[in-house]
Amino acid sequence: MALREELRKQGNWLFRWRSYLPLILIVIVLLGMSYFEYPGHSEKYDDIWEIICLFISFSGIGIRFFTVGYTPEGTSGTNTRAQIADTLNTAGMYSIMRHPLYLGNFIIWFGLSAFFHLWWFSLIIILIFWLYYERIMFAEEEFLRERFGNSYSEWAEKTPAFIPDIRKWRSSDMTFSFRKAIKNEYKSFFAMIVDGLVKSRH
């Protein structure tokens, strides 16, 4: 099997199980907690660090929330069985990057990893994210290329994959759907609240 087909096959498999596979990070988190201790800072500086880490993670949730609220039905969902795209998103967050939801995920996880004051822990999270989501993004882009042809190719050529280019911003014609954003992102929000409470008691 050619590398392109292999990457797409892996990406489709990871896409299908993407809601469950991140649970393996629990093992890494538990490992990180076993080494977790504040490096001799005052309680004041520890609290500031915790607030910064939570702010980073909530910024990731904010990116996801804002992205989902402006997307039409049949796109950017939580489907797992197969790729779905009734239309091609090219406005709003999708005008400055091709994968804003995954950028949001990365920021969430990076904020959580930084909480432990362990550089190697954050590095592991970054590497896992890279290997994991790179394949999912590849599979998604192959699907979109086949689904929308030149329309996708032209958009992808001028739109960065992961690092946003604010200069390319183009507002969406849609009205922001607070209901859709809440429906898709409330789990992430409450998970962050619980995580923050657990860590503050550690």
C-alpha atoms as a PDB file:
ATOM      1  CA  MET A   1       0.000   0.000   0.000  1.00  0.00           C
ATOM      2  CA  ALA A   2       1.363   3.426  -0.997  1.00  0.00           C
ATOM      3  CA  LEU A   3       2.184   5.825   1.831  1.00  0.00           C
ATOM      4  CA  ARG A   4      -0.631   8.180   0.806  1.00  0.00           C
ATOM      5  CA  GLU A   5      -3.232   5.407   1.031  1.00  0.00           C
ATOM      6  CA  GLU A   6      -1.731   4.171   4.302  1.00  0.00           C
ATOM      7  CA  LEU A   7      -1.895   7.634   5.876  1.00  0.00           C
ATOM      8  CA  ARG A   8      -5.479   8.038   4.724  1.00  0.00           C
ATOM      9  CA  LYS A   9      -6.436   4.632   6.093  1.00  0.00           C
ATOM     10  CA  GLN A  10      -4.858   5.453   9.451  1.00  0.00           C
ATOM     11  CA  GLY A  11      -6.492   8.884   9.451  1.00  0.00           C
ATOM     12  CA  ASN A  12      -9.950   7.466   8.771  1.00  0.00           C
ATOM     13  CA  TRP A  13      -9.517   4.940  11.577  1.00  0.00           C
ATOM     14  CA  LEU A  14      -8.360   7.618  14.011  1.00  0.00           C
ATOM     15  CA  PHE A  15     -11.202   9.878  12.869  1.00  0.00           C
ATOM     16  CA  ARG A  16     -13.749   7.190  13.654  1.00  0.00           C
ATOM     17  CA  TRP A  17     -12.364   6.643  17.149  1.00  0.00           C
ATOM     18  CA  ARG A  18     -11.203  10.192  17.847  1.00  0.00           C
ATOM     19  CA  SER A  19     -13.707  10.630  20.674  1.00  0.00           C
ATOM     20  CA  TYR A  20     -12.249   7.661  22.568  1.00  0.00           C
ATOM     21  CA  LEU A  21      -8.599   7.353  21.692  1.00  0.00           C
ATOM     22  CA  PRO A  22      -7.591  10.517  23.617  1.00  0.00           C
ATOM     23  CA  LEU A  23      -8.449   8.542  26.749  1.00  0.00           C
ATOM     24  CA  ILE A  24      -4.968   7.034  26.470  1.00  0.00           C
ATOM     25  CA  LEU A  25      -3.738  10.440  27.557  1.00  0.00           C
ATOM     26  CA  ILE A  26      -5.155   9.644  30.984  1.00  0.00           C
ATOM     27  CA  VAL A  27      -2.205   7.305  31.526  1.00  0.00           C
ATOM     28  CA  ILE A  28       0.211  10.072  30.629  1.00  0.00           C
ATOM     29  CA  VAL A  29      -1.641  12.545  32.842  1.00  0.00           C
ATOM     30  CA  LEU A  30      -1.441  10.141  35.778  1.00  0.00           C
ATOM     31  CA  LEU A  31       2.278   9.772  35.115  1.00  0.00           C
ATOM     32  CA  GLY A  32       2.630  13.523  35.077  1.00  0.00           C
ATOM     33  CA  MET A  33       0.727  13.827  38.349  1.00  0.00           C
ATOM     34  CA  SER A  34       3.093  11.367  39.992  1.00  0.00           C
ATOM     35  CA  TYR A  35       5.933  13.850  39.343  1.00  0.00           C
ATOM     36  CA  PHE A  36       3.831  16.921  39.986  1.00  0.00           C
ATOM     37  CA  GLU A  37       5.080  19.389  42.557  1.00  0.00           C
ATOM     38  CA  TYR A  38       5.452  23.133  42.611  1.00  0.00           C
ATOM     39  CA  PRO A  39       9.083  24.209  42.119  1.00  0.00           C
ATOM     40  CA  GLY A  40       9.417  26.172  45.338  1.00  0.00           C
ATOM     41  CA  HIS A  41       7.321  29.123  44.262  1.00  0.00           C
ATOM     42  CA  SER A  42       5.059  31.050  46.561  1.00  0.00           C
ATOM     43  CA  GLU A  43       1.381  30.234  46.634  1.00  0.00           C
ATOM     44  CA  LYS A  44       0.724  33.547  44.877  1.00  0.00           C
ATOM     45  CA  TYR A  45       2.881  32.617  41.868  1.00  0.00           C
ATOM     46  CA  ASP A  46       1.425  29.105  41.819  1.00  0.00           C
ATOM     47  CA  ASP A  47      -2.081  30.559  41.606  1.00  0.00           C
ATOM     48  CA  ILE A  48      -1.008  32.895  38.802  1.00  0.00           C
ATOM     49  CA  TRP A  49       0.481  29.969  36.876  1.00  0.00           C
ATOM     50  CA  GLU A  50      -2.731  27.961  37.288  1.00  0.00           C
ATOM     51  CA  ILE A  51      -4.810  30.878  36.034  1.00  0.00           C
ATOM     52  CA  ILE A  52      -2.536  31.277  32.985  1.00  0.00           C
ATOM     53  CA  CYS A  53      -2.801  27.562  32.149  1.00  0.00           C
ATOM     54  CA  LEU A  54      -6.581  27.587  32.515  1.00  0.00           C
ATOM     55  CA  PHE A  55      -6.781  30.741  30.385  1.00  0.00           C
ATOM     56  CA  ILE A  56      -4.789  28.999  27.632  1.00  0.00           C
ATOM     57  CA  SER A  57      -7.101  25.984  27.702  1.00  0.00           C
ATOM     58  CA  PHE A  58     -10.255  28.098  27.775  1.00  0.00           C
ATOM     59  CA  SER A  59      -8.883  29.998  24.770  1.00  0.00           C
ATOM     60  CA  GLY A  60      -8.887  26.677  22.912  1.00  0.00           C
ATOM     61  CA  ILE A  61     -12.500  26.097  23.915  1.00  0.00           C
ATOM     62  CA  GLY A  62     -13.283  29.637  22.748  1.00  0.00           C
ATOM     63  CA  ILE A  63     -11.819  28.914  19.310  1.00  0.00           C
ATOM     64  CA  ARG A  64     -13.922  25.772  19.002  1.00  0.00           C
ATOM     65  CA  PHE A  65     -17.038  27.543  20.310  1.00  0.00           C
ATOM     66  CA  PHE A  66     -16.664  30.433  17.858  1.00  0.00           C
ATOM     67  CA  THR A  67     -15.928  28.078  14.954  1.00  0.00           C
ATOM     68  CA  VAL A  68     -18.882  25.746  15.529  1.00  0.00           C
ATOM     69  CA  GLY A  69     -21.348  28.598  16.039  1.00  0.00           C
ATOM     70  CA  TYR A  70     -20.813  29.812  12.476  1.00  0.00           C
ATOM     71  CA  THR A  71     -20.839  26.489  10.647  1.00  0.00           C
ATOM     72  CA  PRO A  72     -23.819  25.142   8.690  1.00  0.00           C
ATOM     73  CA  GLU A  73     -25.472  21.814   9.413  1.00  0.00           C
ATOM     74  CA  GLY A  74     -23.725  18.797   7.949  1.00  0.00           C
ATOM     75  CA  THR A  75     -20.226  20.163   8.623  1.00  0.00           C
ATOM     76  CA  SER A  76     -17.776  20.398  11.526  1.00  0.00           C
ATOM     77  CA  GLY A  77     -19.787  17.981  13.609  1.00  0.00           C
ATOM     78  CA  THR A  78     -18.993  15.232  16.064  1.00  0.00           C
ATOM     79  CA  ASN A  79     -19.814  12.429  13.638  1.00  0.00           C
ATOM     80  CA  THR A  80     -17.527   9.438  13.902  1.00  0.00           C
ATOM     81  CA  ARG A  81     -18.765   6.826  11.437  1.00  0.00           C
ATOM     82  CA  ALA A  82     -17.595   8.622   8.301  1.00  0.00           C
ATOM     83  CA  GLN A  83     -16.542  11.983   6.917  1.00  0.00           C
ATOM     84  CA  ILE A  84     -19.453  14.359   6.303  1.00  0.00           C
ATOM     85  CA  ALA A  85     -19.422  17.672   4.442  1.00  0.00           C
ATOM     86  CA  ASP A  86     -22.550  18.968   2.721  1.00  0.00           C
ATOM     87  CA  THR A  87     -20.814  22.282   2.026  1.00  0.00           C
ATOM     88  CA  LEU A  88     -17.242  23.566   2.094  1.00  0.00           C
ATOM     89  CA  ASN A  89     -16.543  25.966   4.960  1.00  0.00           C
ATOM     90  CA  THR A  90     -14.375  28.831   3.712  1.00  0.00           C
ATOM     91  CA  ALA A  91     -15.563  31.802   5.821  1.00  0.00           C
ATOM     92  CA  GLY A  92     -15.088  32.816   9.439  1.00  0.00           C
ATOM     93  CA  MET A  93     -12.396  30.778  11.154  1.00  0.00           C
ATOM     94  CA  TYR A  94     -12.073  28.672   8.011  1.00  0.00           C
ATOM     95  CA  SER A  95     -10.952  31.732   6.075  1.00  0.00           C
ATOM     96  CA  ILE A  96      -7.752  31.995   8.143  1.00  0.00           C
ATOM     97  CA  MET A  97      -6.971  28.286   8.622  1.00  0.00           C
ATOM     98  CA  ARG A  98      -8.204  24.914   7.419  1.00  0.00           C
ATOM     99  CA  HIS A  99      -8.422  23.134  10.786  1.00  0.00           C
ATOM    100  CA  PRO A 100      -9.562  25.581  13.494  1.00  0.00           C
ATOM    101  CA  LEU A 101     -11.236  22.891  15.608  1.00  0.00           C
ATOM    102  CA  TYR A 102      -8.012  20.930  15.890  1.00  0.00           C
ATOM    103  CA  LEU A 103      -6.093  24.100  16.718  1.00  0.00           C
ATOM    104  CA  GLY A 104      -8.582  24.572  19.543  1.00  0.00           C
ATOM    105  CA  ASN A 105      -7.946  21.006  20.714  1.00  0.00           C
ATOM    106  CA  PHE A 106      -4.206  21.572  20.677  1.00  0.00           C
ATOM    107  CA  ILE A 107      -4.451  24.738  22.766  1.00  0.00           C
ATOM    108  CA  ILE A 108      -6.720  22.986  25.276  1.00  0.00           C
ATOM    109  CA  TRP A 109      -4.296  20.099  25.740  1.00  0.00           C
ATOM    110  CA  PHE A 110      -1.228  22.329  25.815  1.00  0.00           C
ATOM    111  CA  GLY A 111      -2.748  24.434  28.585  1.00  0.00           C
ATOM    112  CA  LEU A 112      -3.512  21.324  30.610  1.00  0.00           C
ATOM    113  CA  SER A 113      -0.029  19.903  30.097  1.00  0.00           C
ATOM    114  CA  ALA A 114       1.675  23.146  31.136  1.00  0.00           C
ATOM    115  CA  PHE A 115      -0.118  22.987  34.477  1.00  0.00           C
ATOM    116  CA  PHE A 116       2.310  20.337  35.745  1.00  0.00           C
ATOM    117  CA  HIS A 117       5.497  22.419  35.387  1.00  0.00           C
ATOM    118  CA  LEU A 118       7.082  19.513  33.443  1.00  0.00           C
ATOM    119  CA  TRP A 119       8.637  20.408  30.086  1.00  0.00           C
ATOM    120  CA  TRP A 120       8.872  16.768  29.025  1.00  0.00           C
ATOM    121  CA  PHE A 121       5.172  16.255  29.732  1.00  0.00           C
ATOM    122  CA  SER A 122       4.200  19.145  27.450  1.00  0.00           C
ATOM    123  CA  LEU A 123       6.601  17.814  24.813  1.00  0.00           C
ATOM    124  CA  ILE A 124       4.962  14.367  24.926  1.00  0.00           C
ATOM    125  CA  ILE A 125       1.511  15.930  24.541  1.00  0.00           C
ATOM    126  CA  ILE A 126       2.710  17.966  21.538  1.00  0.00           C
ATOM    127  CA  LEU A 127       4.248  14.902  19.858  1.00  0.00           C
ATOM    128  CA  ILE A 128       1.157  12.763  20.452  1.00  0.00           C
ATOM    129  CA  PHE A 129      -1.077  15.504  19.105  1.00  0.00           C
ATOM    130  CA  TRP A 130       1.107  15.906  16.031  1.00  0.00           C
ATOM    131  CA  LEU A 131       1.174  12.190  15.183  1.00  0.00           C
ATOM    132  CA  TYR A 132      -2.497  11.711  16.021  1.00  0.00           C
ATOM    133  CA  TYR A 133      -4.159  14.676  14.352  1.00  0.00           C
ATOM    134  CA  GLU A 134      -1.805  14.924  11.381  1.00  0.00           C
ATOM    135  CA  ARG A 135      -3.270  11.697  10.043  1.00  0.00           C
ATOM    136  CA  ILE A 136      -6.838  12.751  10.751  1.00  0.00           C
ATOM    137  CA  MET A 137      -6.294  16.070   8.983  1.00  0.00           C
ATOM    138  CA  PHE A 138      -4.723  14.284   6.016  1.00  0.00           C
ATOM    139  CA  ALA A 139      -7.719  11.929   5.701  1.00  0.00           C
ATOM    140  CA  GLU A 140     -10.177  14.817   5.997  1.00  0.00           C
ATOM    141  CA  GLU A 141      -8.403  16.810   3.310  1.00  0.00           C
ATOM    142  CA  GLU A 142      -8.351  13.836   0.949  1.00  0.00           C
ATOM    143  CA  PHE A 143     -12.112  13.469   1.444  1.00  0.00           C
ATOM    144  CA  LEU A 144     -12.736  17.176   0.847  1.00  0.00           C
ATOM    145  CA  ARG A 145     -10.508  17.178  -2.232  1.00  0.00           C
ATOM    146  CA  GLU A 146     -12.581  14.377  -3.754  1.00  0.00           C
ATOM    147  CA  ARG A 147     -15.868  15.902  -2.606  1.00  0.00           C
ATOM    148  CA  PHE A 148     -15.359  19.487  -3.797  1.00  0.00           C
ATOM    149  CA  GLY A 149     -12.577  19.233  -6.375  1.00  0.00           C
ATOM    150  CA  ASN A 150     -11.176  22.553  -7.600  1.00  0.00           C
ATOM    151  CA  SER A 151     -13.156  24.557  -5.049  1.00  0.00           C
ATOM    152  CA  TYR A 152     -11.294  22.814  -2.266  1.00  0.00           C
ATOM    153  CA  SER A 153      -7.920  22.977  -4.006  1.00  0.00           C
ATOM    154  CA  GLU A 154      -8.202  26.735  -4.577  1.00  0.00           C
ATOM    155  CA  TRP A 155      -9.220  27.360  -0.955  1.00  0.00           C
ATOM    156  CA  ALA A 156      -6.525  25.052   0.459  1.00  0.00           C
ATOM    157  CA  GLU A 157      -3.826  26.650  -1.695  1.00  0.00           C
ATOM    158  CA  LYS A 158      -4.367  30.086  -0.123  1.00  0.00           C
ATOM    159  CA  THR A 159      -5.421  29.029   3.392  1.00  0.00           C
ATOM    160  CA  PRO A 160      -2.865  27.719   5.931  1.00  0.00           C
ATOM    161  CA  ALA A 161      -3.593  24.359   7.499  1.00  0.00           C
ATOM    162  CA  PHE A 162      -2.964  25.025  11.170  1.00  0.00           C
ATOM    163  CA  ILE A 163      -1.285  28.390  11.803  1.00  0.00           C
ATOM    164  CA  PRO A 164      -3.933  31.111  11.326  1.00  0.00           C
ATOM    165  CA  ASP A 165      -3.335  34.033   8.981  1.00  0.00           C
ATOM    166  CA  ILE A 166      -5.517  36.831  10.359  1.00  0.00           C
ATOM    167  CA  ARG A 167      -4.965  38.925   7.223  1.00  0.00           C
ATOM    168  CA  LYS A 168      -7.141  36.495   5.276  1.00  0.00           C
ATOM    169  CA  TRP A 169     -10.172  36.890   7.568  1.00  0.00           C
ATOM    170  CA  ARG A 170     -13.546  36.877   5.806  1.00  0.00           C
ATOM    171  CA  SER A 171     -16.723  37.110   7.866  1.00  0.00           C
ATOM    172  CA  SER A 172     -19.356  34.402   7.610  1.00  0.00           C
ATOM    173  CA  ASP A 173     -22.751  35.196   6.094  1.00  0.00           C
ATOM    174  CA  MET A 174     -24.364  32.993   8.733  1.00  0.00           C
ATOM    175  CA  THR A 175     -25.830  34.158  12.031  1.00  0.00           C
ATOM    176  CA  PHE A 176     -23.982  32.826  15.043  1.00  0.00           C
ATOM    177  CA  SER A 177     -25.835  29.830  16.530  1.00  0.00           C
ATOM    178  CA  PHE A 178     -25.294  29.902  20.283  1.00  0.00           C
ATOM    179  CA  ARG A 179     -27.430  26.773  20.631  1.00  0.00           C
ATOM    180  CA  LYS A 180     -25.269  24.770  18.223  1.00  0.00           C
ATOM    181  CA  ALA A 181     -22.060  25.984  19.853  1.00  0.00           C
ATOM    182  CA  ILE A 182     -23.310  25.024  23.330  1.00  0.00           C
ATOM    183  CA  LYS A 183     -24.592  21.669  22.106  1.00  0.00           C
ATOM    184  CA  ASN A 184     -21.209  20.767  20.623  1.00  0.00           C
ATOM    185  CA  GLU A 185     -18.872  22.279  23.199  1.00  0.00           C
ATOM    186  CA  TYR A 186     -20.531  22.035  26.618  1.00  0.00           C
ATOM    187  CA  LYS A 187     -18.707  18.788  27.392  1.00  0.00           C
ATOM    188  CA  SER A 188     -15.330  20.431  26.851  1.00  0.00           C
ATOM    189  CA  PHE A 189     -16.333  23.390  28.997  1.00  0.00           C
ATOM    190  CA  PHE A 190     -17.454  21.311  31.981  1.00  0.00           C
ATOM    191  CA  ALA A 191     -14.458  18.997  31.613  1.00  0.00           C
ATOM    192  CA  MET A 192     -12.203  22.043  31.958  1.00  0.00           C
ATOM    193  CA  ILE A 193     -14.095  23.208  35.056  1.00  0.00           C
ATOM    194  CA  VAL A 194     -13.758  19.793  36.692  1.00  0.00           C
ATOM    195  CA  ASP A 195     -10.099  19.523  35.706  1.00  0.00           C
ATOM    196  CA  GLY A 196      -9.358  22.931  37.182  1.00  0.00           C
ATOM    197  CA  LEU A 197     -11.063  22.028  40.456  1.00  0.00           C
ATOM    198  CA  VAL A 198      -9.173  18.727  40.702  1.00  0.00           C
ATOM    199  CA  LYS A 199      -5.808  20.344  40.062  1.00  0.00           C
ATOM    200  CA  SER A 200      -6.484  23.196  42.494  1.00  0.00           C
ATOM    201  CA  ARG A 201      -7.011  20.620  45.241  1.00  0.00           C
ATOM    202  CA  HIS A 202      -3.871  18.643  44.377  1.00  0.00           C
END
